[in-house]
Amino acid sequence: MFKIQQYGKSELALLYFPHAATASGALSNLNYWIRCNEALTNALKKCGMPPRSKSFTPKEVSLIIEHLGEP
């Protein structure tokens, strides 16, 4: 079972994209998935996610899991 906790953005991205060549590549993919999911993007904005933060809070991780499924 996936643990809901604070994750660095690259750390969470690598859980979703473990075969990415780099952490930044994995993060680019995760950011693309988030941008393409309007409901998730709106939910993250609504909970106050700063656009340039280096990590996801447990609440943000919960929203990502709710919309994208577990990594």
C-alpha atoms as a PDB file:
ATOM      1  CA  MET A   1       0.000   0.000   0.000  1.00  0.00           C
ATOM      2  CA  PHE A   2       1.246   3.469  -0.909  1.00  0.00           C
ATOM      3  CA  LYS A   3       2.120   5.719   2.028  1.00  0.00           C
ATOM      4  CA  ILE A   4       0.567   9.205   2.018  1.00  0.00           C
ATOM      5  CA  GLN A   5       3.252  11.600   3.260  1.00  0.00           C
ATOM      6  CA  GLN A   6       5.236  14.592   2.067  1.00  0.00           C
ATOM      7  CA  TYR A   7       7.360  13.759  -0.999  1.00  0.00           C
ATOM      8  CA  GLY A   8       9.889  15.776  -2.925  1.00  0.00           C
ATOM      9  CA  LYS A   9       8.468  16.421  -6.376  1.00  0.00           C
ATOM     10  CA  SER A  10      11.220  14.444  -8.110  1.00  0.00           C
ATOM     11  CA  GLU A  11      10.889  11.663  -5.536  1.00  0.00           C
ATOM     12  CA  LEU A  12       7.176  11.229  -6.254  1.00  0.00           C
ATOM     13  CA  ALA A  13       7.759  11.567  -9.996  1.00  0.00           C
ATOM     14  CA  LEU A  14      10.284   8.717  -9.894  1.00  0.00           C
ATOM     15  CA  LEU A  15       7.694   6.532  -8.160  1.00  0.00           C
ATOM     16  CA  TYR A  16       5.343   7.140 -11.105  1.00  0.00           C
ATOM     17  CA  PHE A  17       8.095   6.881 -13.734  1.00  0.00           C
ATOM     18  CA  PRO A  18      10.755   4.531 -12.317  1.00  0.00           C
ATOM     19  CA  HIS A  19      12.294   3.890 -15.732  1.00  0.00           C
ATOM     20  CA  ALA A  20      12.809   7.560 -16.596  1.00  0.00           C
ATOM     21  CA  ALA A  21      16.388   8.343 -17.619  1.00  0.00           C
ATOM     22  CA  THR A  22      16.604  11.223 -15.110  1.00  0.00           C
ATOM     23  CA  ALA A  23      14.678  12.609 -12.155  1.00  0.00           C
ATOM     24  CA  SER A  24      13.979  15.778 -14.121  1.00  0.00           C
ATOM     25  CA  GLY A  25      12.566  13.690 -16.972  1.00  0.00           C
ATOM     26  CA  ALA A  26      10.291  11.873 -14.541  1.00  0.00           C
ATOM     27  CA  LEU A  27       9.173  15.209 -13.087  1.00  0.00           C
ATOM     28  CA  SER A  28       8.443  16.588 -16.550  1.00  0.00           C
ATOM     29  CA  ASN A  29       6.238  13.555 -17.225  1.00  0.00           C
ATOM     30  CA  LEU A  30       4.384  13.911 -13.911  1.00  0.00           C
ATOM     31  CA  ASN A  31       3.879  17.649 -14.478  1.00  0.00           C
ATOM     32  CA  TYR A  32       2.481  16.856 -17.941  1.00  0.00           C
ATOM     33  CA  TRP A  33       0.016  14.353 -16.445  1.00  0.00           C
ATOM     34  CA  ILE A  34      -1.057  16.927 -13.862  1.00  0.00           C
ATOM     35  CA  ARG A  35      -1.498  19.701 -16.467  1.00  0.00           C
ATOM     36  CA  CYS A  36      -3.530  17.384 -18.707  1.00  0.00           C
ATOM     37  CA  ASN A  37      -5.889  16.518 -15.847  1.00  0.00           C
ATOM     38  CA  GLU A  38      -7.955  19.679 -15.416  1.00  0.00           C
ATOM     39  CA  ALA A  39      -9.776  18.385 -12.337  1.00  0.00           C
ATOM     40  CA  LEU A  40      -6.470  17.577 -10.615  1.00  0.00           C
ATOM     41  CA  THR A  41      -4.928  20.912 -11.615  1.00  0.00           C
ATOM     42  CA  ASN A  42      -7.931  22.761 -10.188  1.00  0.00           C
ATOM     43  CA  ALA A  43      -7.925  20.684  -6.988  1.00  0.00           C
ATOM     44  CA  LEU A  44      -4.220  21.391  -6.410  1.00  0.00           C
ATOM     45  CA  LYS A  45      -4.745  25.114  -6.990  1.00  0.00           C
ATOM     46  CA  LYS A  46      -7.757  25.093  -4.664  1.00  0.00           C
ATOM     47  CA  CYS A  47      -5.738  23.561  -1.815  1.00  0.00           C
ATOM     48  CA  GLY A  48      -3.143  26.328  -2.228  1.00  0.00           C
ATOM     49  CA  MET A  49      -0.253  24.475  -3.865  1.00  0.00           C
ATOM     50  CA  PRO A  50       2.518  26.977  -4.650  1.00  0.00           C
ATOM     51  CA  PRO A  51       3.546  26.483  -8.304  1.00  0.00           C
ATOM     52  CA  ARG A  52       7.276  26.488  -7.570  1.00  0.00           C
ATOM     53  CA  SER A  53       7.344  24.378  -4.404  1.00  0.00           C
ATOM     54  CA  LYS A  54       9.966  21.640  -4.179  1.00  0.00           C
ATOM     55  CA  SER A  55       7.673  19.097  -2.546  1.00  0.00           C
ATOM     56  CA  PHE A  56       4.116  17.825  -2.390  1.00  0.00           C
ATOM     57  CA  THR A  57       2.312  17.979   0.955  1.00  0.00           C
ATOM     58  CA  PRO A  58       0.388  14.923   2.154  1.00  0.00           C
ATOM     59  CA  LYS A  59      -2.868  16.631   1.038  1.00  0.00           C
ATOM     60  CA  GLU A  60      -1.447  17.258  -2.443  1.00  0.00           C
ATOM     61  CA  VAL A  61      -0.219  13.655  -2.638  1.00  0.00           C
ATOM     62  CA  SER A  62      -3.726  12.482  -1.682  1.00  0.00           C
ATOM     63  CA  LEU A  63      -5.220  14.547  -4.493  1.00  0.00           C
ATOM     64  CA  ILE A  64      -2.695  13.208  -6.997  1.00  0.00           C
ATOM     65  CA  ILE A  65      -3.451   9.618  -5.935  1.00  0.00           C
ATOM     66  CA  GLU A  66      -7.192  10.304  -6.133  1.00  0.00           C
ATOM     67  CA  HIS A  67      -6.906  11.537  -9.729  1.00  0.00           C
ATOM     68  CA  LEU A  68      -3.991   9.505 -11.128  1.00  0.00           C
ATOM     69  CA  GLY A  69      -4.038   6.359  -9.002  1.00  0.00           C
ATOM     70  CA  GLU A  70      -1.160   4.974  -6.963  1.00  0.00           C
ATOM     71  CA  PRO A  71       2.289   4.908  -8.544  1.00  0.00           C
END
